[in-house]
Each structure stands twice: as structure tokens, then as C-alpha cells.
Protein backbone atom coordinates (compact mmCIF):
# COMPACT_ATOMS: atom_id res chain seq x y z
CA MET A 1 93.68 90.92 374.53
CA LEU A 2 90.19 91.49 373.37
CA ASN A 3 89.66 92.46 369.74
CA LEU A 4 88.29 96.10 369.64
CA SER A 5 86.50 95.56 366.36
CA ARG A 6 84.70 92.69 367.60
CA LEU A 7 83.69 94.61 370.77
CA ARG A 8 82.32 97.24 368.65
CA ILE A 9 80.17 94.83 366.86
CA LEU A 10 78.64 93.59 370.11
CA HIS A 11 78.33 97.25 371.16
CA GLU A 12 76.35 97.98 367.93
CA LEU A 13 74.28 95.00 368.30
CA ASN A 14 73.27 96.05 371.68
CA ARG A 15 72.37 99.49 370.38
CA SER A 16 70.57 98.56 367.13
CA GLY A 17 68.91 95.15 368.18
CA THR A 18 69.44 93.02 365.21
CA LEU A 19 72.42 91.38 363.19
CA ALA A 20 70.91 92.60 359.93
CA GLU A 21 71.11 96.20 361.23
CA VAL A 22 74.55 95.87 362.50
CA ALA A 23 75.50 94.35 359.19
CA ARG A 24 74.07 97.53 357.40
CA VAL A 25 75.57 100.16 359.86
CA LEU A 26 79.02 98.57 359.83
CA SER A 27 79.10 97.68 356.16
CA TYR A 28 79.59 93.95 356.74
CA THR A 29 77.51 90.94 355.57
CA PRO A 30 75.24 89.25 358.23
CA SER A 31 77.33 86.13 358.08
CA ALA A 32 80.55 88.08 358.70
CA ILE A 33 78.80 89.66 361.74
CA SER A 34 77.81 86.24 363.07
CA GLN A 35 81.38 85.01 362.55
CA GLN A 36 82.94 87.68 364.45
CA LEU A 37 80.55 87.38 367.30
CA THR A 38 81.17 83.72 367.47
CA GLN A 39 84.97 84.34 367.56
CA LEU A 40 84.37 86.97 370.32
CA GLU A 41 82.67 84.33 372.46
CA ARG A 42 85.61 81.97 372.06
CA GLU A 43 87.99 84.93 373.22
CA VAL A 44 85.77 85.64 376.29
CA GLY A 45 85.06 81.98 377.08
CA VAL A 46 81.46 82.61 378.02
CA PRO A 47 78.11 82.71 375.96
CA LEU A 48 77.35 86.25 374.73
CA LEU A 49 74.00 85.68 372.68
CA VAL A 50 71.00 83.62 373.19
CA LYS A 51 68.49 82.91 370.41
CA VAL A 52 65.04 84.18 370.88
CA GLY A 53 63.11 83.17 367.83
CA ARG A 54 64.68 84.51 364.61
CA ARG A 55 66.53 87.28 366.91
CA VAL A 56 69.32 87.15 369.51
CA ARG A 57 69.37 88.60 372.98
CA LEU A 58 72.55 89.60 374.72
CA THR A 59 73.43 87.81 377.96
CA ASP A 60 74.38 89.57 381.17
CA ASP A 61 77.95 88.78 380.57
CA ALA A 62 77.54 90.40 376.94
CA LEU A 63 75.80 93.43 378.58
CA ASN A 64 78.57 93.72 381.11
CA LEU A 65 81.32 93.77 378.16
CA VAL A 66 79.27 96.47 376.20
CA ARG A 67 79.56 98.73 379.36
CA HIS A 68 83.16 98.18 379.29
CA THR A 69 83.41 98.71 375.61
CA GLU A 70 81.45 102.02 375.97
CA ALA A 71 83.97 103.10 378.31
CA VAL A 72 86.99 102.23 376.06
CA LEU A 73 85.63 103.97 372.97
CA ALA A 74 84.91 107.00 374.97
CA GLN A 75 88.48 106.97 376.43
CA LEU A 76 89.93 106.54 373.00
CA GLU A 77 87.83 109.65 371.66
CA LEU A 78 89.39 111.56 374.55
CA ALA A 79 92.94 110.47 373.67
CA GLU A 80 92.15 111.57 370.04
CA ALA A 81 90.90 114.85 371.27
CA GLU A 82 94.18 115.50 373.49
CA LEU A 83 96.42 114.50 370.45
CA SER A 84 94.33 117.09 368.24
CA ALA A 85 95.00 119.75 370.84
CA ALA A 86 98.97 119.09 370.61
CA GLN A 87 98.96 119.43 366.71
CA PRO A 88 100.23 122.81 365.43
CA GLU A 89 97.07 122.94 362.85
CA ILE A 90 93.87 121.33 362.70
CA ARG A 91 93.72 118.68 359.93
CA GLY A 92 91.73 115.59 358.93
CA LEU A 93 88.25 114.83 358.02
CA LEU A 94 85.05 115.82 360.00
CA ARG A 95 81.97 113.91 358.93
CA VAL A 96 78.82 115.81 359.49
CA ALA A 97 75.12 114.87 359.12
CA SER A 98 72.47 117.78 358.82
CA PHE A 99 68.92 118.31 357.74
CA GLN A 100 68.34 120.57 354.60
CA SER A 101 67.49 124.08 355.90
CA VAL A 102 70.77 124.12 357.71
CA VAL A 103 72.76 122.83 354.63
CA LEU A 104 70.96 125.61 352.67
CA SER A 105 71.51 128.48 354.92
CA LEU A 106 74.32 128.02 357.40
CA ALA A 107 76.66 125.24 356.15
CA PRO A 108 78.00 127.21 353.14
CA VAL A 109 78.96 130.16 355.36
CA ALA A 110 80.49 127.86 358.08
CA LEU A 111 82.52 126.10 355.40
CA SER A 112 83.97 129.48 354.19
CA VAL A 113 84.90 130.53 357.66
CA LEU A 114 86.63 127.08 358.07
CA ALA A 115 88.38 127.34 354.68
CA GLN A 116 89.92 130.66 355.75
CA ALA A 117 90.98 129.70 359.38
CA HIS A 118 91.64 126.02 359.04
CA PRO A 119 92.40 124.99 355.38
CA ARG A 120 93.69 121.67 356.33
CA LEU A 121 90.33 120.50 357.84
CA GLU A 122 88.04 118.78 355.48
CA VAL A 123 84.31 118.72 356.21
CA ALA A 124 82.15 116.07 354.50
CA ILE A 125 78.24 116.83 354.91
CA THR A 126 75.38 114.18 354.59
CA GLN A 127 71.88 115.19 354.62
CA ARG A 128 69.88 113.12 357.37
CA GLU A 129 66.95 113.94 359.49
CA VAL A 130 67.42 113.98 363.16
CA SER A 131 66.86 110.20 364.23
CA PRO A 132 68.95 108.63 361.34
CA ALA A 133 71.53 111.12 361.99
CA TYR A 134 71.70 110.23 365.82
CA ASP A 135 71.83 106.51 364.63
CA GLY A 136 74.94 107.43 362.40
CA LEU A 137 76.59 109.24 365.06
CA LEU A 138 76.23 106.52 367.68
CA ALA A 139 77.56 104.04 365.11
CA HIS A 140 80.60 106.27 364.45
CA ASP A 141 79.50 107.08 360.93
CA PHE A 142 79.35 110.78 361.67
CA ASP A 143 81.49 112.81 364.05
CA LEU A 144 78.89 115.58 364.48
CA ILE A 145 75.24 116.01 363.79
CA LEU A 146 73.06 119.06 363.38
CA GLY A 147 69.60 118.67 364.87
CA GLU A 148 66.26 120.35 365.42
CA GLU A 149 63.61 120.47 368.12
CA HIS A 150 60.23 121.82 367.56
CA PRO A 151 57.67 122.83 370.36
CA GLY A 152 55.90 119.90 371.66
CA VAL A 153 58.01 117.56 369.84
CA PRO A 154 61.15 116.98 372.12
CA GLU A 155 63.96 114.86 371.06
CA PRO A 156 64.78 111.98 373.44
CA VAL A 157 67.96 112.40 375.34
CA ARG A 158 70.70 109.87 374.12
CA ALA A 159 73.22 108.60 376.59
CA GLY A 160 76.81 109.40 375.80
CA VAL A 161 76.06 112.46 373.67
CA ASP A 162 77.34 116.04 374.22
CA LEU A 163 74.52 118.47 372.96
CA SER A 164 75.06 122.02 372.40
CA VAL A 165 72.35 124.68 371.33
CA LEU A 166 73.34 126.41 368.31
CA THR A 167 70.31 128.97 367.98
CA HIS A 168 66.66 129.42 367.99
CA ASP A 169 64.73 129.77 364.89
CA ALA A 170 61.26 131.35 364.23
CA MET A 171 58.61 128.98 362.51
CA LEU A 172 56.64 131.17 360.02
CA LEU A 173 53.57 130.83 357.91
CA ALA A 174 54.30 131.34 354.37
CA LEU A 175 51.73 132.52 351.92
CA PRO A 176 51.99 133.65 348.19
CA ARG A 177 52.21 137.43 347.71
CA HIS A 178 49.50 137.19 344.86
CA GLY A 179 46.71 134.82 343.74
CA PRO A 180 43.84 132.98 345.38
CA LEU A 181 46.00 131.71 348.26
CA SER A 182 47.44 135.16 349.19
CA GLU A 183 44.66 136.31 351.48
CA ARG A 184 46.03 136.76 355.01
CA PRO A 185 43.85 134.71 357.41
CA ALA A 186 42.25 135.98 360.49
CA SER A 187 43.19 132.76 362.21
CA LEU A 188 44.90 129.45 361.35
CA SER A 189 41.56 127.79 360.83
CA ASP A 190 40.86 129.95 357.91
CA LEU A 191 43.59 127.76 355.96
CA ALA A 192 41.66 124.44 356.63
CA GLU A 193 40.65 124.08 352.95
CA LEU A 194 44.07 125.30 351.43
CA PRO A 195 46.45 123.14 349.91
CA TRP A 196 49.67 122.66 351.96
CA ALA A 197 53.40 121.73 351.33
CA LEU A 198 54.71 120.07 354.34
CA ASP A 199 57.44 117.51 355.27
CA PRO A 200 56.80 113.78 355.29
CA PRO A 201 55.07 112.01 358.08
CA ASN A 202 57.12 111.10 361.10
CA SER A 203 59.68 113.86 360.64
CA THR A 204 60.09 116.31 363.35
CA ALA A 205 58.78 119.33 361.34
CA ARG A 206 55.70 117.37 360.13
CA ARG A 207 54.67 116.09 363.64
CA TRP A 208 55.10 119.84 364.81
CA ALA A 209 52.90 121.07 361.68
CA ASP A 210 50.28 118.59 362.39
CA ILE A 211 49.96 119.56 366.11
CA VAL A 212 49.62 123.20 365.18
CA CYS A 213 46.98 122.57 362.63
CA ARG A 214 45.00 120.11 364.84
CA GLU A 215 45.07 122.60 367.70
CA ALA A 216 43.60 125.30 365.22
CA GLY A 217 40.73 122.66 364.46
CA PHE A 218 41.64 121.05 361.18
CA GLU A 219 43.76 118.36 359.37
CA PRO A 220 46.03 120.00 356.86
CA ARG A 221 45.31 119.08 353.14
CA VAL A 222 48.82 118.13 352.22
CA ARG A 223 49.20 118.48 348.38
CA PHE A 224 52.78 118.36 348.24
CA GLU A 225 55.12 116.30 350.54
CA SER A 226 58.82 116.65 350.52
CA PRO A 227 61.77 117.18 353.14
CA ASP A 228 63.09 119.84 350.81
CA PRO A 229 62.20 123.43 352.23
CA SER A 230 63.43 125.07 348.99
CA LEU A 231 60.75 123.19 347.26
CA HIS A 232 58.23 124.49 349.63
CA VAL A 233 59.52 127.88 349.14
CA HIS A 234 59.01 127.64 345.16
CA LEU A 235 55.51 126.07 345.53
CA VAL A 236 54.42 129.01 347.79
CA ARG A 237 55.90 131.63 345.67
CA GLN A 238 54.29 130.30 342.54
CA GLY A 239 50.99 130.29 344.17
CA HIS A 240 50.43 126.62 344.50
CA ALA A 241 50.48 126.10 348.27
CA VAL A 242 50.97 127.42 351.80
CA ALA A 243 53.55 126.20 354.28
CA PHE A 244 55.26 126.61 357.48
CA LEU A 245 58.87 127.68 356.93
CA PRO A 246 61.89 128.41 359.13
CA GLY A 247 63.07 132.12 359.38
CA LEU A 248 66.76 130.81 359.12
CA MET A 249 66.27 130.57 355.51
CA GLY A 250 66.59 134.31 355.47
CA ALA A 251 66.89 135.79 351.95
CA LEU A 252 65.64 132.43 350.36
CA LEU A 253 62.11 133.44 351.50
CA GLU A 254 62.14 136.55 349.36
CA GLY A 255 58.96 136.94 347.33
CA LEU A 256 56.79 135.17 349.98
CA GLN A 257 54.21 136.82 352.31
CA LEU A 258 55.53 135.73 355.99
CA VAL A 259 53.08 135.85 358.93
CA GLN A 260 54.20 135.45 362.39
CA LEU A 261 52.22 132.47 364.07
CA PRO A 262 50.33 132.60 367.23
CA GLY A 263 52.64 132.24 370.24
CA ARG A 264 55.58 132.94 368.14
CA PRO A 265 56.88 129.30 368.02
CA HIS A 266 60.62 128.75 367.62
CA ARG A 267 62.49 125.59 366.84
CA ARG A 268 65.84 124.93 368.71
CA LEU A 269 68.84 124.02 366.53
CA PHE A 270 71.78 122.07 368.17
CA THR A 271 74.75 120.26 367.23
CA ALA A 272 75.58 116.84 368.90
CA VAL A 273 78.56 114.74 369.16
CA ARG A 274 79.79 111.74 371.18
CA ALA A 275 80.85 112.85 374.54
CA GLY A 276 84.36 111.71 374.24
CA SER A 277 85.03 113.87 371.07
CA SER A 278 83.30 117.13 372.44
CA LYS A 279 86.71 118.68 373.11
CA HIS A 280 88.25 117.58 369.60
CA ARG A 281 89.62 120.65 368.05
CA ALA A 282 87.90 119.98 364.78
CA VAL A 283 84.45 119.65 366.60
CA GLU A 284 85.14 122.99 368.55
CA VAL A 285 86.20 124.92 365.45
CA PHE A 286 83.18 123.66 363.49
CA ARG A 287 80.79 124.45 366.30
CA GLN A 288 82.26 127.97 366.38
CA ALA A 289 82.11 128.26 362.65
CA LEU A 290 78.25 127.52 362.77
CA GLY A 291 77.76 129.95 365.55
CA GLU A 292 79.35 132.74 363.28
CA ALA A 293 77.22 131.59 360.35
CA ALA A 294 73.93 131.95 362.52
CA GLU A 295 75.15 135.39 363.51
CA GLN A 296 75.72 136.41 360.04
CA ASN A 297 72.61 134.87 358.78
CA PRO A 298 70.22 137.60 357.44
CA PRO A 299 66.76 137.85 359.04
CA PRO A 300 63.81 136.79 356.91
CA PRO A 301 62.07 139.41 354.83
CA ALA A 302 59.37 141.48 356.56
CA VAL A 303 57.06 139.46 358.84
CA VAL A 304 53.52 140.41 359.58
CA ARG A 305 51.21 139.27 362.58
CA LEU A 306 48.31 136.94 362.11
């Protein structure tokens, strides 16, 4: 009988590409990963890895084994989902990865809903951007992730993932209400010389922001760079910067001058799980709670047109 833990190591190596990354994701040492893969080769009786410089490549036999492993892991998750449906109450730990604006606005309400309806279900939330969250999901570090997709910045489709759209969220221009940065522009190009608070480069939100500014004919002067939207809110409120902020933040945007952007862009918020666990009761009730939280979320303060 093949060892499932070793098969999972091979599966993760195929996904992440290097022994060092497998060791990081699975919390092993690189030498322990190598030993486990060597033992797996002995078990199957065929070579699984070929050295290519300082890296390794999976053989055709190894890739075939990975495909079978994917099927086994998915089937085990289906079994877990069926067992969860047979239990009288929903219990256990659900590990969630989310980006910060959802943690600030929707997650607390969803947790309150679950605490009332399913008090034996524990939810652990870790803050992650979308791409690292997907890595953790596929490595079985997380059970569910919350992601975002901005116009013109599509998220790649991942095999073996069940994605469900949560809501659509308006992206708004945020200006101070008072001071030298408070004058409402006639067009976005009027903001070319102003200081901006934006997300770090390579984040989904920042790539979208750069696209919007470049289409308006300028590169934003990024004075403050942070993935924390609440920091952006404070900087704008105090008159130090302008920013793009999601309407999802609702009442947290009080004290700002909010302007509707040309074309009324919206980001898409979604949840994603491994396909085999999509029917797990803990996943289903958490998705339902998030939906209730989105419906209860207060709209942003008055928004004016550009």
C-alpha cells in the first residue's frame, strides 16, 4: 500500500516546483522531504525524479502518480463532506484565508452569525493576498479562501477549485473633505500631482489602480504604500493622500469625500475551496454566513459623481 503522506509530498512538489518550497509549505526540512521521496521511489520501484542542474524534474511515472494522488485526495475530501452531513451538528475547525477589507467588514458579522447558529464550529482566519491564499488552499493549509478580482486584472483559473461569487463591490475615489487635497477633480488626470495611498506593487488592487491611472494619462505619485485599507482611510481623512477604496468598507469610510469613478468599476469578491470539499457542511454554512454579512453590510456614505 502506498503511503499517502509521501504521495502528498510528490503532489506538492509537482505544484510548487522545488524541494525547498515543499519543505516550507509542509513544515518539513528539505532533507526530510528528500528522504520521504527516496522512500516513495523504493515503494513504487521506478524512478520518480530526475536531477536538472540544482533542481529536480518529475518523471512521466511520477506525473501519472500525481494524477492518481489528486483523485485520491479529492475522494477523501468527498468522504469527509459526506460524514459531515451525517453529523447532528456542525463542529470542528475551518481554516480561512482572507484579504483585509473583508476581514474588516464582513468577517466579524459572519462570525457572529455562525456563533449563534453553529457554536461548535471554530473558524480561524489568516490574512493573505489572493495568490498566496490560493497556494495555501492547494497545499491544504486553508480550507476556504476569500479572493478578489478587479476589472482588467483577471485571476487565473485553478484546476480542482470550486469558486463561488460572494458579491460585487464598487471601487471609489476617496478624497479628504477639507484641505488642499479636497477639491473634486473634473477628471482623474487632475489628480496626477497629488500624493496617493495605494496597495503594494504586484497586488491585485495595485495592478488595477495603476491601470486606471495610466488610462487617465499619469503614473500615481505613491507616497504611502500599504495593504491595509484602514490606513488608507486614515491618511485620506487626515488630508495626507487620496486613494481608491472599496465601498464594502461602508461606515468605515465616514469622514471621506467619496467619488464615483468613470465606468463605475466594481471588483468581484469570491470564495474558493478545493472541489472535493465544496459540499462540506462547514464550508456551506460559512459561505451562507458571508452572504448574510454582505447583505447586512451598510452602504458607503453619500457618493458623488466625478
